[in-house]
């Protein structure tokens, strides 16, 4: 783990060569050379990013419509749940990433990629999953906001601690990207809160429309992304990385729930903290990987966040299905 970017480049120069003039990577593993085509053209990448921002804005407005000002103030005045979630977010996930990197004997660049993902703050997916699990939406939004704000200082600190010896990695933390994520959380949520406060009769309609758009768009983007990177992922990502991507969010969900149970918060808050712990801001992770490492070092590892988000979403959906089935067949009052 104590290796510099230059050393990583030297070690991986036999495995990943720089992008050539045809917009491909020549990947060498042993005596086998594989042409690695970047999955998205610049135009498609910008289009997907633009659509994602619009969908995210609509979704966060919808989530804002589920929030109530008195409950938000209550969480701020008595921040027990928020403090637990922040400790879980910046304690459990980086340590989990570090532990998995050690267990699976990942190489230097692979380990750093996993650690960067583990040190990111919670993403907006946690808010959506918390809603599906009938969690405390007021707590969920407050937690996402707090973890994003704290990430401005915690990410450089955690990356320094866990990736000690990697020069200039702290400078790769995208402060502008983190600030934009904060704005994209607060502004649309404020719009939704205002709607719910001023004209609450429209809130149910906005929630249904917003979440319907989210589901349709997520399926469409997921299918397109799967078609674009499916073969690439199978060609370049190792079983160890796939296992790491699968175990990281699962560990976060479980340990977040266990930790919140130990502190005796109510069931709504436990489900909310669980989702906030396991869900990482994948956009920030991708940005750091692009900024911190040149193509000849990172190679196809920049696809790791995409693999992570597949497992992150899939495992959360399983929990949601189990929870809904449990409620349907064994209805019990939630404490």
C-alpha atoms as a PDB file:
ATOM      1  CA  UNK A   1       0.000   0.000   0.000  1.00  0.00           C
ATOM      2  CA  UNK A   2       2.948   2.286   0.588  1.00  0.00           C
ATOM      3  CA  UNK A   3       3.871   2.902  -3.040  1.00  0.00           C
ATOM      4  CA  UNK A   4       4.058   6.027  -5.162  1.00  0.00           C
ATOM      5  CA  UNK A   5       2.202   6.715  -8.388  1.00  0.00           C
ATOM      6  CA  UNK A   6       5.520   6.520 -10.218  1.00  0.00           C
ATOM      7  CA  UNK A   7       6.185   3.090  -8.764  1.00  0.00           C
ATOM      8  CA  UNK A   8       2.696   1.965  -9.688  1.00  0.00           C
ATOM      9  CA  UNK A   9       3.265   3.204 -13.218  1.00  0.00           C
ATOM     10  CA  UNK A  10       6.469   1.209 -13.399  1.00  0.00           C
ATOM     11  CA  UNK A  11       4.859  -1.950 -12.082  1.00  0.00           C
ATOM     12  CA  UNK A  12       1.864  -1.684 -14.341  1.00  0.00           C
ATOM     13  CA  UNK A  13       3.687  -0.599 -17.481  1.00  0.00           C
ATOM     14  CA  UNK A  14       3.879  -4.253 -18.464  1.00  0.00           C
ATOM     15  CA  UNK A  15       0.128  -4.634 -18.043  1.00  0.00           C
ATOM     16  CA  UNK A  16      -1.451  -1.390 -19.254  1.00  0.00           C
ATOM     17  CA  UNK A  17      -0.091   0.672 -22.117  1.00  0.00           C
ATOM     18  CA  UNK A  18      -1.165   4.222 -22.906  1.00  0.00           C
ATOM     19  CA  UNK A  19      -4.150   5.084 -25.048  1.00  0.00           C
ATOM     20  CA  UNK A  20      -3.177   5.019 -28.715  1.00  0.00           C
ATOM     21  CA  UNK A  21      -4.339   7.165 -31.590  1.00  0.00           C
ATOM     22  CA  UNK A  22      -7.375   4.932 -32.220  1.00  0.00           C
ATOM     23  CA  UNK A  23      -8.800   5.730 -28.759  1.00  0.00           C
ATOM     24  CA  UNK A  24      -7.981   2.239 -27.459  1.00  0.00           C
ATOM     25  CA  UNK A  25      -5.738   0.805 -24.793  1.00  0.00           C
ATOM     26  CA  UNK A  26      -3.353  -2.025 -25.618  1.00  0.00           C
ATOM     27  CA  UNK A  27      -3.632  -4.271 -22.581  1.00  0.00           C
ATOM     28  CA  UNK A  28      -1.006  -6.942 -22.101  1.00  0.00           C
ATOM     29  CA  UNK A  29      -1.447  -9.778 -19.652  1.00  0.00           C
ATOM     30  CA  UNK A  30       1.439 -12.170 -19.898  1.00  0.00           C
ATOM     31  CA  UNK A  31       1.839 -12.916 -23.594  1.00  0.00           C
ATOM     32  CA  UNK A  32      -1.716 -11.927 -24.509  1.00  0.00           C
ATOM     33  CA  UNK A  33      -2.525  -8.510 -25.909  1.00  0.00           C
ATOM     34  CA  UNK A  34      -6.098  -7.243 -25.848  1.00  0.00           C
ATOM     35  CA  UNK A  35      -7.333  -4.103 -27.575  1.00  0.00           C
ATOM     36  CA  UNK A  36      -9.346  -2.136 -25.027  1.00  0.00           C
ATOM     37  CA  UNK A  37     -11.859   0.219 -26.661  1.00  0.00           C
ATOM     38  CA  UNK A  38     -13.130   3.014 -24.456  1.00  0.00           C
ATOM     39  CA  UNK A  39     -16.873   2.337 -24.105  1.00  0.00           C
ATOM     40  CA  UNK A  40     -18.298   5.840 -24.555  1.00  0.00           C
ATOM     41  CA  UNK A  41     -17.608   8.466 -27.177  1.00  0.00           C
ATOM     42  CA  UNK A  42     -17.172  12.038 -25.860  1.00  0.00           C
ATOM     43  CA  UNK A  43     -20.565  13.024 -27.296  1.00  0.00           C
ATOM     44  CA  UNK A  44     -22.365  10.078 -25.699  1.00  0.00           C
ATOM     45  CA  UNK A  45     -20.573  10.680 -22.412  1.00  0.00           C
ATOM     46  CA  UNK A  46     -21.725  14.325 -22.347  1.00  0.00           C
ATOM     47  CA  UNK A  47     -25.268  13.331 -23.325  1.00  0.00           C
ATOM     48  CA  UNK A  48     -25.495  10.740 -20.545  1.00  0.00           C
ATOM     49  CA  UNK A  49     -24.064  13.230 -18.034  1.00  0.00           C
ATOM     50  CA  UNK A  50     -26.589  15.892 -19.069  1.00  0.00           C
ATOM     51  CA  UNK A  51     -29.541  13.519 -18.879  1.00  0.00           C
ATOM     52  CA  UNK A  52     -28.328  12.225 -15.513  1.00  0.00           C
ATOM     53  CA  UNK A  53     -28.165  15.761 -14.080  1.00  0.00           C
ATOM     54  CA  UNK A  54     -31.726  16.523 -15.228  1.00  0.00           C
ATOM     55  CA  UNK A  55     -33.031  13.233 -13.812  1.00  0.00           C
ATOM     56  CA  UNK A  56     -31.145  13.810 -10.569  1.00  0.00           C
ATOM     57  CA  UNK A  57     -32.665  17.294 -10.201  1.00  0.00           C
ATOM     58  CA  UNK A  58     -36.221  15.989 -10.762  1.00  0.00           C
ATOM     59  CA  UNK A  59     -35.609  13.083  -8.368  1.00  0.00           C
ATOM     60  CA  UNK A  60     -34.264  15.301  -5.599  1.00  0.00           C
ATOM     61  CA  UNK A  61     -37.254  17.655  -5.973  1.00  0.00           C
ATOM     62  CA  UNK A  62     -39.469  14.592  -5.534  1.00  0.00           C
ATOM     63  CA  UNK A  63     -37.554  13.503  -2.445  1.00  0.00           C
ATOM     64  CA  UNK A  64     -37.768  17.047  -1.076  1.00  0.00           C
ATOM     65  CA  UNK A  65     -41.541  16.744  -1.254  1.00  0.00           C
ATOM     66  CA  UNK A  66     -41.359  13.944   1.342  1.00  0.00           C
ATOM     67  CA  UNK A  67     -39.560  16.176   3.864  1.00  0.00           C
ATOM     68  CA  UNK A  68     -40.992  18.348   6.614  1.00  0.00           C
ATOM     69  CA  UNK A  69     -39.260  21.401   8.055  1.00  0.00           C
ATOM     70  CA  UNK A  70     -40.016  20.631  11.753  1.00  0.00           C
ATOM     71  CA  UNK A  71     -38.520  17.129  11.407  1.00  0.00           C
ATOM     72  CA  UNK A  72     -35.406  18.476   9.677  1.00  0.00           C
ATOM     73  CA  UNK A  73     -34.915  20.959  12.514  1.00  0.00           C
ATOM     74  CA  UNK A  74     -35.389  18.151  15.046  1.00  0.00           C
ATOM     75  CA  UNK A  75     -32.570  16.118  13.444  1.00  0.00           C
ATOM     76  CA  UNK A  76     -30.293  19.161  13.455  1.00  0.00           C
ATOM     77  CA  UNK A  77     -31.009  19.921  17.121  1.00  0.00           C
ATOM     78  CA  UNK A  78     -30.610  16.266  18.167  1.00  0.00           C
ATOM     79  CA  UNK A  79     -28.079  14.921  15.652  1.00  0.00           C
ATOM     80  CA  UNK A  80     -27.644  11.449  17.153  1.00  0.00           C
ATOM     81  CA  UNK A  81     -28.590   9.686  13.904  1.00  0.00           C
ATOM     82  CA  UNK A  82     -26.485  12.055  11.807  1.00  0.00           C
ATOM     83  CA  UNK A  83     -23.397  11.529  13.994  1.00  0.00           C
ATOM     84  CA  UNK A  84     -23.791   7.740  13.849  1.00  0.00           C
ATOM     85  CA  UNK A  85     -24.149   7.878  10.064  1.00  0.00           C
ATOM     86  CA  UNK A  86     -21.090  10.115   9.611  1.00  0.00           C
ATOM     87  CA  UNK A  87     -18.956   7.821  11.785  1.00  0.00           C
ATOM     88  CA  UNK A  88     -20.199   4.813   9.830  1.00  0.00           C
ATOM     89  CA  UNK A  89     -19.644   6.525   6.463  1.00  0.00           C
ATOM     90  CA  UNK A  90     -16.087   7.696   7.079  1.00  0.00           C
ATOM     91  CA  UNK A  91     -15.129   4.897   9.454  1.00  0.00           C
ATOM     92  CA  UNK A  92     -16.636   1.682   8.105  1.00  0.00           C
ATOM     93  CA  UNK A  93     -16.296   2.176   4.345  1.00  0.00           C
ATOM     94  CA  UNK A  94     -12.618   3.243   4.126  1.00  0.00           C
ATOM     95  CA  UNK A  95     -11.641   0.491   6.563  1.00  0.00           C
ATOM     96  CA  UNK A  96     -13.685  -2.044   4.580  1.00  0.00           C
ATOM     97  CA  UNK A  97     -11.983  -0.983   1.348  1.00  0.00           C
ATOM     98  CA  UNK A  98      -8.551  -1.263   2.994  1.00  0.00           C
ATOM     99  CA  UNK A  99      -9.361  -4.683   4.461  1.00  0.00           C
ATOM    100  CA  UNK A 100     -10.667  -6.107   1.179  1.00  0.00           C
ATOM    101  CA  UNK A 101      -7.640  -4.789  -0.692  1.00  0.00           C
ATOM    102  CA  UNK A 102      -5.423  -6.672   1.783  1.00  0.00           C
ATOM    103  CA  UNK A 103      -7.534  -9.844   1.794  1.00  0.00           C
ATOM    104  CA  UNK A 104      -7.626 -10.141  -2.005  1.00  0.00           C
ATOM    105  CA  UNK A 105      -3.962  -9.086  -2.385  1.00  0.00           C
ATOM    106  CA  UNK A 106      -4.802  -6.343  -4.855  1.00  0.00           C
ATOM    107  CA  UNK A 107      -1.994  -4.605  -6.715  1.00  0.00           C
ATOM    108  CA  UNK A 108      -1.041  -1.012  -5.846  1.00  0.00           C
ATOM    109  CA  UNK A 109      -3.181   0.711  -8.481  1.00  0.00           C
ATOM    110  CA  UNK A 110      -6.124  -1.621  -7.881  1.00  0.00           C
ATOM    111  CA  UNK A 111      -5.901  -1.062  -4.123  1.00  0.00           C
ATOM    112  CA  UNK A 112      -5.797   2.716  -4.496  1.00  0.00           C
ATOM    113  CA  UNK A 113      -8.811   2.588  -6.835  1.00  0.00           C
ATOM    114  CA  UNK A 114     -10.789   0.638  -4.238  1.00  0.00           C
ATOM    115  CA  UNK A 115      -9.679   2.951  -1.422  1.00  0.00           C
ATOM    116  CA  UNK A 116     -10.724   6.067  -3.333  1.00  0.00           C
ATOM    117  CA  UNK A 117     -14.179   4.536  -3.767  1.00  0.00           C
ATOM    118  CA  UNK A 118     -14.319   3.676  -0.062  1.00  0.00           C
ATOM    119  CA  UNK A 119     -13.364   7.207   1.026  1.00  0.00           C
ATOM    120  CA  UNK A 120     -16.087   8.955  -1.006  1.00  0.00           C
ATOM    121  CA  UNK A 121     -19.126  10.437   0.782  1.00  0.00           C
ATOM    122  CA  UNK A 122     -22.642   9.065   0.502  1.00  0.00           C
ATOM    123  CA  UNK A 123     -24.467   9.510  -2.795  1.00  0.00           C
ATOM    124  CA  UNK A 124     -28.018  10.458  -3.686  1.00  0.00           C
ATOM    125  CA  UNK A 125     -28.882   6.810  -4.366  1.00  0.00           C
ATOM    126  CA  UNK A 126     -29.008   6.347  -0.605  1.00  0.00           C
ATOM    127  CA  UNK A 127     -31.920   8.807  -0.458  1.00  0.00           C
ATOM    128  CA  UNK A 128     -33.861   6.856  -3.078  1.00  0.00           C
ATOM    129  CA  UNK A 129     -33.193   3.518  -1.392  1.00  0.00           C
ATOM    130  CA  UNK A 130     -34.152   4.974   1.996  1.00  0.00           C
ATOM    131  CA  UNK A 131     -37.477   6.075   0.524  1.00  0.00           C
ATOM    132  CA  UNK A 132     -38.079   2.594  -0.919  1.00  0.00           C
ATOM    133  CA  UNK A 133     -37.317   1.094   2.514  1.00  0.00           C
ATOM    134  CA  UNK A 134     -39.706   3.545   4.202  1.00  0.00           C
ATOM    135  CA  UNK A 135     -36.821   5.144   6.045  1.00  0.00           C
ATOM    136  CA  UNK A 136     -36.609   8.600   7.567  1.00  0.00           C
ATOM    137  CA  UNK A 137     -36.235  10.882   4.529  1.00  0.00           C
ATOM    138  CA  UNK A 138     -35.501  13.952   6.632  1.00  0.00           C
ATOM    139  CA  UNK A 139     -32.588  12.142   8.258  1.00  0.00           C
ATOM    140  CA  UNK A 140     -31.460  10.746   4.898  1.00  0.00           C
ATOM    141  CA  UNK A 141     -31.143  14.153   3.218  1.00  0.00           C
ATOM    142  CA  UNK A 142     -29.493  15.712   6.275  1.00  0.00           C
ATOM    143  CA  UNK A 143     -26.997  12.837   6.399  1.00  0.00           C
ATOM    144  CA  UNK A 144     -26.155  13.106   2.699  1.00  0.00           C
ATOM    145  CA  UNK A 145     -25.631  16.848   3.068  1.00  0.00           C
ATOM    146  CA  UNK A 146     -23.415  16.469   6.143  1.00  0.00           C
ATOM    147  CA  UNK A 147     -21.272  13.702   4.638  1.00  0.00           C
ATOM    148  CA  UNK A 148     -20.799  15.728   1.440  1.00  0.00           C
ATOM    149  CA  UNK A 149     -19.745  18.833   3.379  1.00  0.00           C
ATOM    150  CA  UNK A 150     -17.380  16.830   5.601  1.00  0.00           C
ATOM    151  CA  UNK A 151     -15.915  15.113   2.530  1.00  0.00           C
ATOM    152  CA  UNK A 152     -14.156  18.379   1.676  1.00  0.00           C
ATOM    153  CA  UNK A 153     -11.813  17.697   4.577  1.00  0.00           C
ATOM    154  CA  UNK A 154     -12.259  13.990   5.286  1.00  0.00           C
ATOM    155  CA  UNK A 155     -11.406  12.691   1.822  1.00  0.00           C
ATOM    156  CA  UNK A 156      -7.895  14.195   1.710  1.00  0.00           C
ATOM    157  CA  UNK A 157      -7.286  13.053   5.298  1.00  0.00           C
ATOM    158  CA  UNK A 158      -8.497   9.492   4.722  1.00  0.00           C
ATOM    159  CA  UNK A 159      -6.636   9.144   1.437  1.00  0.00           C
ATOM    160  CA  UNK A 160      -3.469  10.365   3.161  1.00  0.00           C
ATOM    161  CA  UNK A 161      -3.916   7.872   6.012  1.00  0.00           C
ATOM    162  CA  UNK A 162      -4.780   4.816   3.928  1.00  0.00           C
ATOM    163  CA  UNK A 163      -2.718   5.617   0.817  1.00  0.00           C
ATOM    164  CA  UNK A 164       0.276   7.100   2.630  1.00  0.00           C
ATOM    165  CA  UNK A 165       3.192   7.484   0.267  1.00  0.00           C
ATOM    166  CA  UNK A 166       1.180   8.195  -2.880  1.00  0.00           C
ATOM    167  CA  UNK A 167       2.338  11.617  -3.948  1.00  0.00           C
ATOM    168  CA  UNK A 168      -0.157  14.325  -4.866  1.00  0.00           C
ATOM    169  CA  UNK A 169      -3.210  12.078  -4.470  1.00  0.00           C
ATOM    170  CA  UNK A 170      -4.747  14.548  -2.035  1.00  0.00           C
ATOM    171  CA  UNK A 171      -4.563  17.229  -4.722  1.00  0.00           C
ATOM    172  CA  UNK A 172      -6.786  15.064  -6.927  1.00  0.00           C
ATOM    173  CA  UNK A 173      -9.782  15.448  -4.604  1.00  0.00           C
ATOM    174  CA  UNK A 174     -12.364  17.268  -6.776  1.00  0.00           C
ATOM    175  CA  UNK A 175     -13.460  20.067  -4.464  1.00  0.00           C
ATOM    176  CA  UNK A 176     -15.530  21.650  -7.238  1.00  0.00           C
ATOM    177  CA  UNK A 177     -17.205  18.303  -7.899  1.00  0.00           C
ATOM    178  CA  UNK A 178     -18.013  17.851  -4.212  1.00  0.00           C
ATOM    179  CA  UNK A 179     -19.429  21.381  -4.062  1.00  0.00           C
ATOM    180  CA  UNK A 180     -21.557  20.714  -7.138  1.00  0.00           C
ATOM    181  CA  UNK A 181     -22.842  17.482  -5.575  1.00  0.00           C
ATOM    182  CA  UNK A 182     -23.801  19.493  -2.498  1.00  0.00           C
ATOM    183  CA  UNK A 183     -25.624  22.066  -4.634  1.00  0.00           C
ATOM    184  CA  UNK A 184     -27.408  19.314  -6.600  1.00  0.00           C
ATOM    185  CA  UNK A 185     -28.626  17.888  -3.299  1.00  0.00           C
ATOM    186  CA  UNK A 186     -29.650  21.064  -1.487  1.00  0.00           C
ATOM    187  CA  UNK A 187     -31.215  23.205  -4.228  1.00  0.00           C
ATOM    188  CA  UNK A 188     -33.761  20.700  -5.632  1.00  0.00           C
ATOM    189  CA  UNK A 189     -34.532  19.428  -2.116  1.00  0.00           C
ATOM    190  CA  UNK A 190     -35.233  23.002  -1.039  1.00  0.00           C
ATOM    191  CA  UNK A 191     -37.616  23.353  -3.985  1.00  0.00           C
ATOM    192  CA  UNK A 192     -39.389  20.137  -2.961  1.00  0.00           C
ATOM    193  CA  UNK A 193     -39.580  21.195   0.688  1.00  0.00           C
ATOM    194  CA  UNK A 194     -41.078  24.542  -0.356  1.00  0.00           C
ATOM    195  CA  UNK A 195     -43.689  22.783  -2.503  1.00  0.00           C
ATOM    196  CA  UNK A 196     -44.577  20.398   0.324  1.00  0.00           C
ATOM    197  CA  UNK A 197     -44.855  23.315   2.758  1.00  0.00           C
ATOM    198  CA  UNK A 198     -46.808  25.730   0.528  1.00  0.00           C
ATOM    199  CA  UNK A 199     -48.938  23.419  -1.638  1.00  0.00           C
ATOM    200  CA  UNK A 200     -48.789  19.957  -0.045  1.00  0.00           C
ATOM    201  CA  UNK A 201     -51.642  18.636  -2.216  1.00  0.00           C
ATOM    202  CA  UNK A 202     -49.233  18.496  -5.191  1.00  0.00           C
ATOM    203  CA  UNK A 203     -46.535  16.553  -3.338  1.00  0.00           C
ATOM    204  CA  UNK A 204     -47.899  13.012  -3.962  1.00  0.00           C
ATOM    205  CA  UNK A 205     -48.184  13.722  -7.697  1.00  0.00           C
ATOM    206  CA  UNK A 206     -44.656  15.125  -7.930  1.00  0.00           C
ATOM    207  CA  UNK A 207     -43.258  12.173  -5.977  1.00  0.00           C
ATOM    208  CA  UNK A 208     -44.925   9.614  -8.262  1.00  0.00           C
ATOM    209  CA  UNK A 209     -43.930  11.415 -11.470  1.00  0.00           C
ATOM    210  CA  UNK A 210     -40.355  12.012 -10.329  1.00  0.00           C
ATOM    211  CA  UNK A 211     -39.744   8.438  -9.208  1.00  0.00           C
ATOM    212  CA  UNK A 212     -41.402   7.049 -12.359  1.00  0.00           C
ATOM    213  CA  UNK A 213     -39.038   9.117 -14.519  1.00  0.00           C
ATOM    214  CA  UNK A 214     -36.134   7.904 -12.400  1.00  0.00           C
ATOM    215  CA  UNK A 215     -37.036   4.229 -12.835  1.00  0.00           C
ATOM    216  CA  UNK A 216     -37.520   4.507 -16.611  1.00  0.00           C
ATOM    217  CA  UNK A 217     -34.336   6.510 -17.121  1.00  0.00           C
ATOM    218  CA  UNK A 218     -32.293   4.240 -14.839  1.00  0.00           C
ATOM    219  CA  UNK A 219     -33.354   1.152 -16.784  1.00  0.00           C
ATOM    220  CA  UNK A 220     -32.557   2.838 -20.117  1.00  0.00           C
ATOM    221  CA  UNK A 221     -29.138   4.110 -19.019  1.00  0.00           C
ATOM    222  CA  UNK A 222     -28.365   0.790 -17.334  1.00  0.00           C
ATOM    223  CA  UNK A 223     -29.125  -1.182 -20.488  1.00  0.00           C
ATOM    224  CA  UNK A 224     -27.069   1.177 -22.671  1.00  0.00           C
ATOM    225  CA  UNK A 225     -24.143   1.089 -20.258  1.00  0.00           C
ATOM    226  CA  UNK A 226     -24.336  -2.685 -19.965  1.00  0.00           C
ATOM    227  CA  UNK A 227     -24.252  -3.112 -23.730  1.00  0.00           C
ATOM    228  CA  UNK A 228     -21.368  -0.654 -24.032  1.00  0.00           C
ATOM    229  CA  UNK A 229     -19.081  -2.025 -21.310  1.00  0.00           C
ATOM    230  CA  UNK A 230     -20.224  -5.625 -20.860  1.00  0.00           C
ATOM    231  CA  UNK A 231     -17.511  -7.275 -22.933  1.00  0.00           C
ATOM    232  CA  UNK A 232     -14.901  -4.793 -21.707  1.00  0.00           C
ATOM    233  CA  UNK A 233     -15.613  -5.589 -18.064  1.00  0.00           C
ATOM    234  CA  UNK A 234     -15.288  -9.311 -18.608  1.00  0.00           C
ATOM    235  CA  UNK A 235     -12.023  -8.779 -20.469  1.00  0.00           C
ATOM    236  CA  UNK A 236     -10.184  -6.526 -18.036  1.00  0.00           C
ATOM    237  CA  UNK A 237     -11.543  -6.829 -14.474  1.00  0.00           C
ATOM    238  CA  UNK A 238     -10.218  -9.602 -12.269  1.00  0.00           C
ATOM    239  CA  UNK A 239     -12.342 -11.885 -10.044  1.00  0.00           C
ATOM    240  CA  UNK A 240     -10.716 -10.205  -7.017  1.00  0.00           C
ATOM    241  CA  UNK A 241     -11.960  -6.772  -8.104  1.00  0.00           C
ATOM    242  CA  UNK A 242     -15.425  -8.117  -8.844  1.00  0.00           C
ATOM    243  CA  UNK A 243     -15.549  -9.729  -5.403  1.00  0.00           C
ATOM    244  CA  UNK A 244     -14.377  -6.469  -3.819  1.00  0.00           C
ATOM    245  CA  UNK A 245     -17.065  -4.493  -5.651  1.00  0.00           C
ATOM    246  CA  UNK A 246     -19.681  -6.970  -4.439  1.00  0.00           C
ATOM    247  CA  UNK A 247     -18.567  -7.127  -0.803  1.00  0.00           C
ATOM    248  CA  UNK A 248     -17.934  -3.414  -0.150  1.00  0.00           C
ATOM    249  CA  UNK A 249     -21.549  -2.140  -0.341  1.00  0.00           C
ATOM    250  CA  UNK A 250     -22.907  -5.287   1.306  1.00  0.00           C
ATOM    251  CA  UNK A 251     -20.527  -4.831   4.244  1.00  0.00           C
ATOM    252  CA  UNK A 252     -21.505  -1.158   4.485  1.00  0.00           C
ATOM    253  CA  UNK A 253     -25.230  -1.938   4.530  1.00  0.00           C
ATOM    254  CA  UNK A 254     -24.886  -4.640   7.181  1.00  0.00           C
ATOM    255  CA  UNK A 255     -22.428  -2.854   9.471  1.00  0.00           C
ATOM    256  CA  UNK A 256     -24.362   0.423   9.165  1.00  0.00           C
ATOM    257  CA  UNK A 257     -27.505  -1.366  10.351  1.00  0.00           C
ATOM    258  CA  UNK A 258     -25.665  -3.200  13.138  1.00  0.00           C
ATOM    259  CA  UNK A 259     -23.988   0.002  14.363  1.00  0.00           C
ATOM    260  CA  UNK A 260     -27.238   1.976  14.416  1.00  0.00           C
ATOM    261  CA  UNK A 261     -28.936  -0.916  16.243  1.00  0.00           C
ATOM    262  CA  UNK A 262     -26.192  -0.869  18.867  1.00  0.00           C
ATOM    263  CA  UNK A 263     -26.942   2.822  19.486  1.00  0.00           C
ATOM    264  CA  UNK A 264     -30.666   2.000  19.815  1.00  0.00           C
ATOM    265  CA  UNK A 265     -32.101   4.324  17.170  1.00  0.00           C
ATOM    266  CA  UNK A 266     -35.537   3.465  15.798  1.00  0.00           C
ATOM    267  CA  UNK A 267     -36.088   1.064  12.896  1.00  0.00           C
ATOM    268  CA  UNK A 268     -36.706   3.820  10.376  1.00  0.00           C
ATOM    269  CA  UNK A 269     -33.361   5.410  11.205  1.00  0.00           C
ATOM    270  CA  UNK A 270     -31.582   2.040  11.146  1.00  0.00           C
ATOM    271  CA  UNK A 271     -32.680   1.381   7.562  1.00  0.00           C
ATOM    272  CA  UNK A 272     -31.748   4.920   6.589  1.00  0.00           C
ATOM    273  CA  UNK A 273     -28.268   4.759   8.144  1.00  0.00           C
ATOM    274  CA  UNK A 274     -27.691   1.360   6.542  1.00  0.00           C
ATOM    275  CA  UNK A 275     -28.335   2.755   3.057  1.00  0.00           C
ATOM    276  CA  UNK A 276     -26.303   5.901   3.716  1.00  0.00           C
ATOM    277  CA  UNK A 277     -23.316   3.819   4.838  1.00  0.00           C
ATOM    278  CA  UNK A 278     -23.240   1.387   1.916  1.00  0.00           C
ATOM    279  CA  UNK A 279     -23.961   3.877  -0.879  1.00  0.00           C
ATOM    280  CA  UNK A 280     -20.960   5.790  -2.208  1.00  0.00           C
ATOM    281  CA  UNK A 281     -20.868   8.831  -4.500  1.00  0.00           C
ATOM    282  CA  UNK A 282     -19.624   7.047  -7.611  1.00  0.00           C
ATOM    283  CA  UNK A 283     -19.471  10.226  -9.725  1.00  0.00           C
ATOM    284  CA  UNK A 284     -16.874  11.682  -7.360  1.00  0.00           C
ATOM    285  CA  UNK A 285     -14.914   8.441  -7.406  1.00  0.00           C
ATOM    286  CA  UNK A 286     -14.778   8.458 -11.211  1.00  0.00           C
ATOM    287  CA  UNK A 287     -13.688  12.107 -11.228  1.00  0.00           C
ATOM    288  CA  UNK A 288     -10.814  11.446  -8.820  1.00  0.00           C
ATOM    289  CA  UNK A 289      -9.599   8.467 -10.853  1.00  0.00           C
ATOM    290  CA  UNK A 290      -9.573  10.547 -14.037  1.00  0.00           C
ATOM    291  CA  UNK A 291      -7.790  13.471 -12.359  1.00  0.00           C
ATOM    292  CA  UNK A 292      -5.305  11.523 -10.239  1.00  0.00           C
ATOM    293  CA  UNK A 293      -3.971   8.980 -12.711  1.00  0.00           C
ATOM    294  CA  UNK A 294      -2.835   9.148 -16.353  1.00  0.00           C
ATOM    295  CA  UNK A 295      -4.288   6.507 -18.717  1.00  0.00           C
ATOM    296  CA  UNK A 296      -1.097   4.416 -18.717  1.00  0.00           C
ATOM    297  CA  UNK A 297      -1.460   3.917 -14.937  1.00  0.00           C
ATOM    298  CA  UNK A 298      -5.218   3.590 -14.398  1.00  0.00           C
ATOM    299  CA  UNK A 299      -5.961   1.717 -17.632  1.00  0.00           C
ATOM    300  CA  UNK A 300      -9.329  -0.057 -17.514  1.00  0.00           C
ATOM    301  CA  UNK A 301      -9.586   0.349 -13.731  1.00  0.00           C
ATOM    302  CA  UNK A 302     -11.584   3.534 -14.291  1.00  0.00           C
ATOM    303  CA  UNK A 303     -14.487   1.135 -14.928  1.00  0.00           C
ATOM    304  CA  UNK A 304     -14.413  -0.030 -11.291  1.00  0.00           C
ATOM    305  CA  UNK A 305     -16.946   2.613 -10.090  1.00  0.00           C
ATOM    306  CA  UNK A 306     -19.418   1.374 -12.716  1.00  0.00           C
ATOM    307  CA  UNK A 307     -19.054  -2.181 -11.445  1.00  0.00           C
ATOM    308  CA  UNK A 308     -19.422  -0.974  -7.866  1.00  0.00           C
ATOM    309  CA  UNK A 309     -22.656   0.871  -8.580  1.00  0.00           C
ATOM    310  CA  UNK A 310     -24.158  -2.256 -10.171  1.00  0.00           C
ATOM    311  CA  UNK A 311     -23.558  -4.278  -6.997  1.00  0.00           C
ATOM    312  CA  UNK A 312     -24.479  -1.309  -4.795  1.00  0.00           C
ATOM    313  CA  UNK A 313     -27.853  -0.968  -6.502  1.00  0.00           C
ATOM    314  CA  UNK A 314     -28.489  -4.685  -6.916  1.00  0.00           C
ATOM    315  CA  UNK A 315     -27.856  -5.500  -3.259  1.00  0.00           C
ATOM    316  CA  UNK A 316     -29.972  -2.571  -2.099  1.00  0.00           C
ATOM    317  CA  UNK A 317     -32.815  -3.745  -4.334  1.00  0.00           C
ATOM    318  CA  UNK A 318     -32.613  -7.197  -2.743  1.00  0.00           C
ATOM    319  CA  UNK A 319     -32.931  -5.648   0.718  1.00  0.00           C
ATOM    320  CA  UNK A 320     -35.897  -3.601  -0.508  1.00  0.00           C
ATOM    321  CA  UNK A 321     -37.633  -6.698  -1.909  1.00  0.00           C
ATOM    322  CA  UNK A 322     -37.032  -8.665   1.316  1.00  0.00           C
ATOM    323  CA  UNK A 323     -38.298  -5.756   3.416  1.00  0.00           C
ATOM    324  CA  UNK A 324     -41.439  -5.318   1.320  1.00  0.00           C
ATOM    325  CA  UNK A 325     -42.153  -9.056   1.409  1.00  0.00           C
ATOM    326  CA  UNK A 326     -41.631  -9.093   5.169  1.00  0.00           C
ATOM    327  CA  UNK A 327     -44.050  -6.200   5.595  1.00  0.00           C
ATOM    328  CA  UNK A 328     -46.609  -7.870   3.343  1.00  0.00           C
ATOM    329  CA  UNK A 329     -46.574 -11.281   4.989  1.00  0.00           C
ATOM    330  CA  UNK A 330     -45.786 -10.257   8.565  1.00  0.00           C
ATOM    331  CA  UNK A 331     -47.172  -6.739   9.065  1.00  0.00           C
ATOM    332  CA  UNK A 332     -45.930  -5.311  12.333  1.00  0.00           C
ATOM    333  CA  UNK A 333     -45.948  -1.771  13.686  1.00  0.00           C
ATOM    334  CA  UNK A 334     -42.619  -0.023  13.078  1.00  0.00           C
ATOM    335  CA  UNK A 335     -41.106   1.361  16.273  1.00  0.00           C
END
